[in-house]
Amino acid sequence: MAPSADHDPVPDHHAGGSAPQQGTGSSDQEDGSVYIQGIDEPLPPGEKLLWEGRPSLVPLALRALHLRVFLFYWGLVGVGWIGHGLATGRAGTDLMADLTWLLVVGALGSAMVFGLAWAVQRSTTYALTNRRVVMRIGVALPAVLNLPLEKVEAAGYQAHRDGTGEVSFQLPKAEQVGVFFLWPHHRPWRWGSPEPAFRALPDVKEVAELVRKAAAAALPEASLGEAAQESSRKESLDQRRREPRAPGRGAGRLPATEVGS
């Protein structure tokens, strides 16, 4: 599918250097081999690295690891404890001592969640080539997930007010990856039908546009439609296979085929 008139063609970043990066980078060897960060095997001949990056640390901790929920819980506990102490006439010094302990426990717990987010960020590499989506994930047991573009049924993204967001990839039901293997690199609240996702991405809209262009270039017969829901700040990109249809009607889904390992 040719790029639409209001968008530039997919940039060939390897024509003049390494791919754009967000917190990580590719390795270009003297023999011309290109490596994705953290992956020992170079890209096959003819495959080009279009983008690679990592999650943003703070959004990853707040959203993917639910640090906000943890902080909100301890805030409620603190307010409830103060209210109970005032209602029962508890001495001010005793009440302050109890609150100090609550603060210490809450701070330690928050630090553990933030430390886990740091470990997840440091062990994660997301990448997009002209042929596939690559995810290097796992803190204790690193693994690499390859999703060929022609075998992804649909892709979508959600942007947040801070400019970060998620790009998710819908797979055929027979090829879905377990949520415990993906965690936290999956679309939120899709436990029954897990969708691998780039989480807490800076400039998520730009990355989603690269995915759209790469899919259009890899699948000339496919098109990607975009829809926005302003109330929820959600936007989506759907890959669809062109099938015989009446004028004005949408295309069908891409073929559901095996996802590469």
C-alpha atoms as a PDB file:
ATOM      1  CA  MET A   1       0.000   0.000   0.000  1.00  0.00           C
ATOM      2  CA  ALA A   2       1.432   3.354  -0.934  1.00  0.00           C
ATOM      3  CA  PRO A   3       1.818   5.844   1.939  1.00  0.00           C
ATOM      4  CA  SER A   4      -0.964   8.385   2.210  1.00  0.00           C
ATOM      5  CA  ALA A   5      -0.279  11.879   0.965  1.00  0.00           C
ATOM      6  CA  ASP A   6      -0.161  13.456   4.425  1.00  0.00           C
ATOM      7  CA  HIS A   7       2.628  11.190   5.692  1.00  0.00           C
ATOM      8  CA  ASP A   8       6.278  10.828   4.729  1.00  0.00           C
ATOM      9  CA  PRO A   9       7.501   7.423   3.504  1.00  0.00           C
ATOM     10  CA  VAL A  10       9.013   5.059   6.059  1.00  0.00           C
ATOM     11  CA  PRO A  11      12.525   6.416   6.606  1.00  0.00           C
ATOM     12  CA  ASP A  12      15.470   4.169   5.714  1.00  0.00           C
ATOM     13  CA  HIS A  13      17.583   4.942   8.783  1.00  0.00           C
ATOM     14  CA  HIS A  14      20.350   2.571   7.789  1.00  0.00           C
ATOM     15  CA  ALA A  15      21.097   4.529   4.658  1.00  0.00           C
ATOM     16  CA  GLY A  16      22.978   7.066   6.753  1.00  0.00           C
ATOM     17  CA  GLY A  17      23.614   5.462  10.128  1.00  0.00           C
ATOM     18  CA  SER A  18      22.000   3.674  13.017  1.00  0.00           C
ATOM     19  CA  ALA A  19      18.318   3.527  13.802  1.00  0.00           C
ATOM     20  CA  PRO A  20      16.643   6.119  16.024  1.00  0.00           C
ATOM     21  CA  GLN A  21      16.704   5.045  19.633  1.00  0.00           C
ATOM     22  CA  GLN A  22      15.112   5.728  22.978  1.00  0.00           C
ATOM     23  CA  GLY A  23      17.377   4.753  25.828  1.00  0.00           C
ATOM     24  CA  THR A  24      19.185   2.007  23.851  1.00  0.00           C
ATOM     25  CA  GLY A  25      20.908   1.528  20.553  1.00  0.00           C
ATOM     26  CA  SER A  26      21.770  -0.909  17.807  1.00  0.00           C
ATOM     27  CA  SER A  27      25.296  -2.109  17.110  1.00  0.00           C
ATOM     28  CA  ASP A  28      26.730  -1.759  13.606  1.00  0.00           C
ATOM     29  CA  GLN A  29      29.761  -4.001  13.015  1.00  0.00           C
ATOM     30  CA  GLU A  30      32.581  -3.422  10.536  1.00  0.00           C
ATOM     31  CA  ASP A  31      31.180  -6.113   8.259  1.00  0.00           C
ATOM     32  CA  GLY A  32      27.849  -4.274   8.089  1.00  0.00           C
ATOM     33  CA  SER A  33      25.995  -6.582  10.464  1.00  0.00           C
ATOM     34  CA  VAL A  34      23.350  -4.892  12.589  1.00  0.00           C
ATOM     35  CA  TYR A  35      22.406  -6.126  16.053  1.00  0.00           C
ATOM     36  CA  ILE A  36      19.406  -5.287  18.185  1.00  0.00           C
ATOM     37  CA  GLN A  37      20.438  -4.344  21.712  1.00  0.00           C
ATOM     38  CA  GLY A  38      20.713  -7.459  23.900  1.00  0.00           C
ATOM     39  CA  ILE A  39      20.288  -9.953  21.042  1.00  0.00           C
ATOM     40  CA  ASP A  40      23.326 -11.953  19.922  1.00  0.00           C
ATOM     41  CA  GLU A  41      22.156 -12.756  16.398  1.00  0.00           C
ATOM     42  CA  PRO A  42      22.515 -10.024  13.733  1.00  0.00           C
ATOM     43  CA  LEU A  43      19.654  -9.064  11.479  1.00  0.00           C
ATOM     44  CA  PRO A  44      19.374 -11.305   8.404  1.00  0.00           C
ATOM     45  CA  PRO A  45      20.452  -9.880   5.026  1.00  0.00           C
ATOM     46  CA  GLY A  46      17.832  -7.532   3.635  1.00  0.00           C
ATOM     47  CA  GLU A  47      16.243  -6.779   7.004  1.00  0.00           C
ATOM     48  CA  LYS A  48      16.490  -3.171   8.186  1.00  0.00           C
ATOM     49  CA  LEU A  49      16.168  -1.863  11.723  1.00  0.00           C
ATOM     50  CA  LEU A  50      13.648   0.979  11.679  1.00  0.00           C
ATOM     51  CA  TRP A  51      13.399   1.713  15.410  1.00  0.00           C
ATOM     52  CA  GLU A  52      14.394   0.385  18.806  1.00  0.00           C
ATOM     53  CA  GLY A  53      13.852   1.651  22.321  1.00  0.00           C
ATOM     54  CA  ARG A  54      12.971   0.992  25.938  1.00  0.00           C
ATOM     55  CA  PRO A  55      10.065   1.900  28.207  1.00  0.00           C
ATOM     56  CA  SER A  56      10.192   5.135  30.185  1.00  0.00           C
ATOM     57  CA  LEU A  57      10.956   4.346  33.818  1.00  0.00           C
ATOM     58  CA  VAL A  58       8.412   6.455  35.718  1.00  0.00           C
ATOM     59  CA  PRO A  59       5.390   5.719  33.446  1.00  0.00           C
ATOM     60  CA  LEU A  60       6.362   2.040  33.510  1.00  0.00           C
ATOM     61  CA  ALA A  61       6.310   2.015  37.314  1.00  0.00           C
ATOM     62  CA  LEU A  62       3.108   4.044  37.604  1.00  0.00           C
ATOM     63  CA  ARG A  63       1.009   2.256  34.980  1.00  0.00           C
ATOM     64  CA  ALA A  64       2.450  -1.124  34.071  1.00  0.00           C
ATOM     65  CA  LEU A  65       3.475  -2.009  37.652  1.00  0.00           C
ATOM     66  CA  HIS A  66       0.592  -0.111  39.276  1.00  0.00           C
ATOM     67  CA  LEU A  67       2.681   2.034  41.619  1.00  0.00           C
ATOM     68  CA  ARG A  68      -0.139   4.588  41.637  1.00  0.00           C
ATOM     69  CA  VAL A  69      -2.512   2.001  43.103  1.00  0.00           C
ATOM     70  CA  PHE A  70       0.034   1.158  45.802  1.00  0.00           C
ATOM     71  CA  LEU A  71       0.522   4.833  46.718  1.00  0.00           C
ATOM     72  CA  PHE A  72      -3.238   5.425  46.750  1.00  0.00           C
ATOM     73  CA  TYR A  73      -3.737   2.433  49.048  1.00  0.00           C
ATOM     74  CA  TRP A  74      -1.204   3.649  51.596  1.00  0.00           C
ATOM     75  CA  GLY A  75      -2.671   7.144  51.405  1.00  0.00           C
ATOM     76  CA  LEU A  76      -6.091   5.732  52.296  1.00  0.00           C
ATOM     77  CA  VAL A  77      -4.589   3.718  55.158  1.00  0.00           C
ATOM     78  CA  GLY A  78      -2.908   6.839  56.527  1.00  0.00           C
ATOM     79  CA  VAL A  79      -6.063   8.951  56.323  1.00  0.00           C
ATOM     80  CA  GLY A  80      -8.115   6.167  57.899  1.00  0.00           C
ATOM     81  CA  TRP A  81      -5.618   5.759  60.727  1.00  0.00           C
ATOM     82  CA  ILE A  82      -5.659   9.483  61.478  1.00  0.00           C
ATOM     83  CA  GLY A  83      -9.450   9.516  61.470  1.00  0.00           C
ATOM     84  CA  HIS A  84      -9.614   6.508  63.784  1.00  0.00           C
ATOM     85  CA  GLY A  85      -7.085   8.072  66.164  1.00  0.00           C
ATOM     86  CA  LEU A  86      -8.948  11.358  66.334  1.00  0.00           C
ATOM     87  CA  ALA A  87     -12.298   9.616  66.862  1.00  0.00           C
ATOM     88  CA  THR A  88     -10.962   7.485  69.724  1.00  0.00           C
ATOM     89  CA  GLY A  89      -8.970  10.256  71.383  1.00  0.00           C
ATOM     90  CA  ARG A  90      -5.593   8.642  70.789  1.00  0.00           C
ATOM     91  CA  ALA A  91      -2.643  10.689  72.026  1.00  0.00           C
ATOM     92  CA  GLY A  92      -0.981  12.832  69.406  1.00  0.00           C
ATOM     93  CA  THR A  93       2.488  11.408  70.040  1.00  0.00           C
ATOM     94  CA  ASP A  94       1.237   7.838  69.694  1.00  0.00           C
ATOM     95  CA  LEU A  95      -0.643   8.735  66.537  1.00  0.00           C
ATOM     96  CA  MET A  96       2.455  10.348  64.993  1.00  0.00           C
ATOM     97  CA  ALA A  97       4.571   7.310  65.883  1.00  0.00           C
ATOM     98  CA  ASP A  98       2.086   5.003  64.139  1.00  0.00           C
ATOM     99  CA  LEU A  99       1.991   7.260  61.074  1.00  0.00           C
ATOM    100  CA  THR A 100       5.785   7.267  60.933  1.00  0.00           C
ATOM    101  CA  TRP A 101       5.793   3.488  60.741  1.00  0.00           C
ATOM    102  CA  LEU A 102       3.146   3.593  58.023  1.00  0.00           C
ATOM    103  CA  LEU A 103       5.274   6.028  56.046  1.00  0.00           C
ATOM    104  CA  VAL A 104       8.345   3.832  56.412  1.00  0.00           C
ATOM    105  CA  VAL A 105       6.502   0.700  55.271  1.00  0.00           C
ATOM    106  CA  GLY A 106       4.861   2.560  52.390  1.00  0.00           C
ATOM    107  CA  ALA A 107       8.182   4.051  51.284  1.00  0.00           C
ATOM    108  CA  LEU A 108       9.902   0.662  51.374  1.00  0.00           C
ATOM    109  CA  GLY A 109       7.114  -0.961  49.390  1.00  0.00           C
ATOM    110  CA  SER A 110       7.136   1.857  46.817  1.00  0.00           C
ATOM    111  CA  ALA A 111      10.919   1.584  46.508  1.00  0.00           C
ATOM    112  CA  MET A 112      10.605  -2.148  45.799  1.00  0.00           C
ATOM    113  CA  VAL A 113       8.050  -1.523  43.041  1.00  0.00           C
ATOM    114  CA  PHE A 114      10.223   1.219  41.573  1.00  0.00           C
ATOM    115  CA  GLY A 115      13.267  -1.045  41.738  1.00  0.00           C
ATOM    116  CA  LEU A 116      11.365  -3.747  39.856  1.00  0.00           C
ATOM    117  CA  ALA A 117      10.395  -1.169  37.226  1.00  0.00           C
ATOM    118  CA  TRP A 118      14.070  -0.215  36.866  1.00  0.00           C
ATOM    119  CA  ALA A 119      15.043  -3.881  36.395  1.00  0.00           C
ATOM    120  CA  VAL A 120      12.288  -4.383  33.809  1.00  0.00           C
ATOM    121  CA  GLN A 121      13.328  -1.260  31.919  1.00  0.00           C
ATOM    122  CA  ARG A 122      17.012  -2.198  31.872  1.00  0.00           C
ATOM    123  CA  SER A 123      16.295  -5.741  30.640  1.00  0.00           C
ATOM    124  CA  THR A 124      13.833  -4.694  27.909  1.00  0.00           C
ATOM    125  CA  THR A 125      14.439  -3.833  24.284  1.00  0.00           C
ATOM    126  CA  TYR A 126      11.655  -3.137  21.819  1.00  0.00           C
ATOM    127  CA  ALA A 127      12.495  -3.063  18.129  1.00  0.00           C
ATOM    128  CA  LEU A 128      10.779  -2.698  14.776  1.00  0.00           C
ATOM    129  CA  THR A 129      12.262  -3.849  11.483  1.00  0.00           C
ATOM    130  CA  ASN A 130      10.857  -3.832   7.985  1.00  0.00           C
ATOM    131  CA  ARG A 131       9.794  -7.466   8.569  1.00  0.00           C
ATOM    132  CA  ARG A 132       8.903  -7.981  12.229  1.00  0.00           C
ATOM    133  CA  VAL A 133       8.341  -6.700  15.724  1.00  0.00           C
ATOM    134  CA  VAL A 134      10.974  -7.824  18.230  1.00  0.00           C
ATOM    135  CA  MET A 135      10.653  -7.815  22.014  1.00  0.00           C
ATOM    136  CA  ARG A 136      13.534  -8.776  24.297  1.00  0.00           C
ATOM    137  CA  ILE A 137      11.916  -9.168  27.715  1.00  0.00           C
ATOM    138  CA  GLY A 138      12.475 -10.910  31.028  1.00  0.00           C
ATOM    139  CA  VAL A 139      14.502  -9.904  34.098  1.00  0.00           C
ATOM    140  CA  ALA A 140      15.570 -13.284  35.535  1.00  0.00           C
ATOM    141  CA  LEU A 141      14.969 -15.352  32.377  1.00  0.00           C
ATOM    142  CA  PRO A 142      15.456 -13.182  29.276  1.00  0.00           C
ATOM    143  CA  ALA A 143      13.561 -14.230  26.172  1.00  0.00           C
ATOM    144  CA  VAL A 144      13.055 -12.868  22.674  1.00  0.00           C
ATOM    145  CA  LEU A 145       9.626 -12.660  21.044  1.00  0.00           C
ATOM    146  CA  ASN A 146       9.492 -12.249  17.241  1.00  0.00           C
ATOM    147  CA  LEU A 147       6.248 -11.149  15.594  1.00  0.00           C
ATOM    148  CA  PRO A 148       6.452 -11.105  11.767  1.00  0.00           C
ATOM    149  CA  LEU A 149       4.451  -8.156  10.457  1.00  0.00           C
ATOM    150  CA  GLU A 150       2.454 -10.291   8.047  1.00  0.00           C
ATOM    151  CA  LYS A 151       1.353 -12.510  10.938  1.00  0.00           C
ATOM    152  CA  VAL A 152      -0.027  -9.756  13.173  1.00  0.00           C
ATOM    153  CA  GLU A 153      -3.790  -9.451  12.831  1.00  0.00           C
ATOM    154  CA  ALA A 154      -4.037  -5.884  14.088  1.00  0.00           C
ATOM    155  CA  ALA A 155      -2.023  -3.214  15.862  1.00  0.00           C
ATOM    156  CA  GLY A 156      -3.245  -0.393  18.056  1.00  0.00           C
ATOM    157  CA  TYR A 157      -1.974   2.273  20.384  1.00  0.00           C
ATOM    158  CA  GLN A 158      -3.125   4.271  23.364  1.00  0.00           C
ATOM    159  CA  ALA A 159      -1.611   7.644  24.223  1.00  0.00           C
ATOM    160  CA  HIS A 160      -1.647   9.278  27.657  1.00  0.00           C
ATOM    161  CA  ARG A 161      -1.509  12.934  28.617  1.00  0.00           C
ATOM    162  CA  ASP A 162       2.222  12.812  29.352  1.00  0.00           C
ATOM    163  CA  GLY A 163       2.970  11.745  25.779  1.00  0.00           C
ATOM    164  CA  THR A 164       3.787   8.142  26.649  1.00  0.00           C
ATOM    165  CA  GLY A 165       1.643   5.160  25.784  1.00  0.00           C
ATOM    166  CA  GLU A 166       1.373   1.595  24.551  1.00  0.00           C
ATOM    167  CA  VAL A 167       1.510  -0.004  21.105  1.00  0.00           C
ATOM    168  CA  SER A 168      -0.180  -3.419  21.161  1.00  0.00           C
ATOM    169  CA  PHE A 169      -0.268  -6.278  18.655  1.00  0.00           C
ATOM    170  CA  GLN A 170      -3.243  -8.601  18.249  1.00  0.00           C
ATOM    171  CA  LEU A 171      -2.391 -12.217  17.416  1.00  0.00           C
ATOM    172  CA  PRO A 172      -4.512 -15.095  16.110  1.00  0.00           C
ATOM    173  CA  LYS A 173      -6.161 -17.008  18.937  1.00  0.00           C
ATOM    174  CA  ALA A 174      -4.213 -20.153  18.132  1.00  0.00           C
ATOM    175  CA  GLU A 175      -0.921 -18.266  18.447  1.00  0.00           C
ATOM    176  CA  GLN A 176      -1.518 -16.120  21.518  1.00  0.00           C
ATOM    177  CA  VAL A 177       1.309 -15.920  24.060  1.00  0.00           C
ATOM    178  CA  GLY A 178       0.645 -16.535  27.762  1.00  0.00           C
ATOM    179  CA  VAL A 179       0.121 -13.414  29.842  1.00  0.00           C
ATOM    180  CA  PHE A 180       2.545 -14.602  32.519  1.00  0.00           C
ATOM    181  CA  PHE A 181       5.268 -14.891  29.885  1.00  0.00           C
ATOM    182  CA  LEU A 182       4.520 -11.403  28.566  1.00  0.00           C
ATOM    183  CA  TRP A 183       3.973  -9.543  31.864  1.00  0.00           C
ATOM    184  CA  PRO A 184       4.138  -6.600  32.015  1.00  0.00           C
ATOM    185  CA  HIS A 185       4.635  -6.266  28.250  1.00  0.00           C
ATOM    186  CA  HIS A 186       1.016  -6.765  27.268  1.00  0.00           C
ATOM    187  CA  ARG A 187      -2.048  -4.626  26.647  1.00  0.00           C
ATOM    188  CA  PRO A 188      -3.657  -3.731  29.988  1.00  0.00           C
ATOM    189  CA  TRP A 189      -6.728  -5.679  31.092  1.00  0.00           C
ATOM    190  CA  ARG A 190      -6.623  -8.177  28.219  1.00  0.00           C
ATOM    191  CA  TRP A 191      -6.002 -11.251  30.361  1.00  0.00           C
ATOM    192  CA  GLY A 192      -8.171 -13.646  28.362  1.00  0.00           C
ATOM    193  CA  SER A 193      -6.737 -12.642  24.984  1.00  0.00           C
ATOM    194  CA  PRO A 194      -3.226 -11.336  25.721  1.00  0.00           C
ATOM    195  CA  GLU A 195      -1.754  -8.860  23.255  1.00  0.00           C
ATOM    196  CA  PRO A 196       2.019  -8.245  23.308  1.00  0.00           C
ATOM    197  CA  ALA A 197       2.712  -4.540  23.690  1.00  0.00           C
ATOM    198  CA  PHE A 198       5.407  -1.912  23.789  1.00  0.00           C
ATOM    199  CA  ARG A 199       4.730  -0.354  27.208  1.00  0.00           C
ATOM    200  CA  ALA A 200       5.395   3.174  28.507  1.00  0.00           C
ATOM    201  CA  LEU A 201       6.845   4.391  25.213  1.00  0.00           C
ATOM    202  CA  PRO A 202       7.978   8.002  24.873  1.00  0.00           C
ATOM    203  CA  ASP A 203       6.508   9.601  21.717  1.00  0.00           C
ATOM    204  CA  VAL A 204       4.113   6.701  21.282  1.00  0.00           C
ATOM    205  CA  LYS A 205       2.334   8.293  18.325  1.00  0.00           C
ATOM    206  CA  GLU A 206       5.549   8.459  16.319  1.00  0.00           C
ATOM    207  CA  VAL A 207       6.288   4.796  17.059  1.00  0.00           C
ATOM    208  CA  ALA A 208       2.734   3.806  16.104  1.00  0.00           C
ATOM    209  CA  GLU A 209       3.135   5.673  12.825  1.00  0.00           C
ATOM    210  CA  LEU A 210       6.347   3.756  12.113  1.00  0.00           C
ATOM    211  CA  VAL A 211       4.466   0.507  12.768  1.00  0.00           C
ATOM    212  CA  ARG A 212       1.724   1.603  10.371  1.00  0.00           C
ATOM    213  CA  LYS A 213       4.204   2.451   7.628  1.00  0.00           C
ATOM    214  CA  ALA A 214       6.249  -0.715   8.140  1.00  0.00           C
ATOM    215  CA  ALA A 215       3.126  -2.869   7.929  1.00  0.00           C
ATOM    216  CA  ALA A 216       1.954  -1.039   4.803  1.00  0.00           C
ATOM    217  CA  ALA A 217       5.365  -1.543   3.175  1.00  0.00           C
ATOM    218  CA  ALA A 218       5.587  -5.218   4.192  1.00  0.00           C
ATOM    219  CA  LEU A 219       2.022  -5.981   3.110  1.00  0.00           C
ATOM    220  CA  PRO A 220       1.194  -4.124  -0.109  1.00  0.00           C
ATOM    221  CA  GLU A 221      -2.332  -5.585  -0.062  1.00  0.00           C
ATOM    222  CA  ALA A 222      -3.032  -4.402   3.493  1.00  0.00           C
ATOM    223  CA  SER A 223      -4.329  -1.109   4.757  1.00  0.00           C
ATOM    224  CA  LEU A 224      -4.332   0.416   8.192  1.00  0.00           C
ATOM    225  CA  GLY A 225      -7.259   2.442   9.419  1.00  0.00           C
ATOM    226  CA  GLU A 226      -6.991   4.969  12.257  1.00  0.00           C
ATOM    227  CA  ALA A 227      -9.741   5.963  14.679  1.00  0.00           C
ATOM    228  CA  ALA A 228      -9.665   8.320  17.651  1.00  0.00           C
ATOM    229  CA  GLN A 229     -11.833   8.384  20.782  1.00  0.00           C
ATOM    230  CA  GLU A 230     -11.266  11.772  22.401  1.00  0.00           C
ATOM    231  CA  SER A 231     -13.184  10.921  25.562  1.00  0.00           C
ATOM    232  CA  SER A 232     -10.807   8.132  26.484  1.00  0.00           C
ATOM    233  CA  ARG A 233      -7.764   9.476  24.601  1.00  0.00           C
ATOM    234  CA  LYS A 234      -7.536   6.173  22.724  1.00  0.00           C
ATOM    235  CA  GLU A 235      -6.420   5.849  19.145  1.00  0.00           C
ATOM    236  CA  SER A 236      -6.111   2.686  17.106  1.00  0.00           C
ATOM    237  CA  LEU A 237      -4.389   1.396  13.986  1.00  0.00           C
ATOM    238  CA  ASP A 238      -6.021  -1.643  12.339  1.00  0.00           C
ATOM    239  CA  GLN A 239      -4.290  -3.752   9.713  1.00  0.00           C
ATOM    240  CA  ARG A 240      -6.750  -5.213   7.236  1.00  0.00           C
ATOM    241  CA  ARG A 241      -6.480  -7.364   4.100  1.00  0.00           C
ATOM    242  CA  ARG A 242      -8.129  -5.976   0.992  1.00  0.00           C
ATOM    243  CA  GLU A 243     -10.931  -8.255  -0.144  1.00  0.00           C
ATOM    244  CA  PRO A 244     -13.643  -7.815  -2.827  1.00  0.00           C
ATOM    245  CA  ARG A 245     -16.175  -5.454  -1.317  1.00  0.00           C
ATOM    246  CA  ALA A 246     -18.710  -2.848  -2.213  1.00  0.00           C
ATOM    247  CA  PRO A 247     -17.389   0.748  -2.539  1.00  0.00           C
ATOM    248  CA  GLY A 248     -17.079   2.469   0.836  1.00  0.00           C
ATOM    249  CA  ARG A 249     -16.936  -0.693   2.910  1.00  0.00           C
ATOM    250  CA  GLY A 250     -14.003  -1.617   5.167  1.00  0.00           C
ATOM    251  CA  ALA A 251     -11.475  -4.315   4.377  1.00  0.00           C
ATOM    252  CA  GLY A 252     -11.252  -7.668   6.121  1.00  0.00           C
ATOM    253  CA  ARG A 253      -8.668  -8.666   8.721  1.00  0.00           C
ATOM    254  CA  LEU A 254      -5.199  -9.813   7.797  1.00  0.00           C
ATOM    255  CA  PRO A 255      -4.777 -13.582   7.476  1.00  0.00           C
ATOM    256  CA  ALA A 256      -4.277 -15.376  10.790  1.00  0.00           C
ATOM    257  CA  THR A 257      -1.060 -17.355  10.443  1.00  0.00           C
ATOM    258  CA  GLU A 258       1.673 -18.717  12.651  1.00  0.00           C
ATOM    259  CA  VAL A 259       3.709 -16.299  14.756  1.00  0.00           C
ATOM    260  CA  GLY A 260       7.448 -16.810  14.515  1.00  0.00           C
ATOM    261  CA  SER A 261       9.418 -17.816  17.602  1.00  0.00           C
END
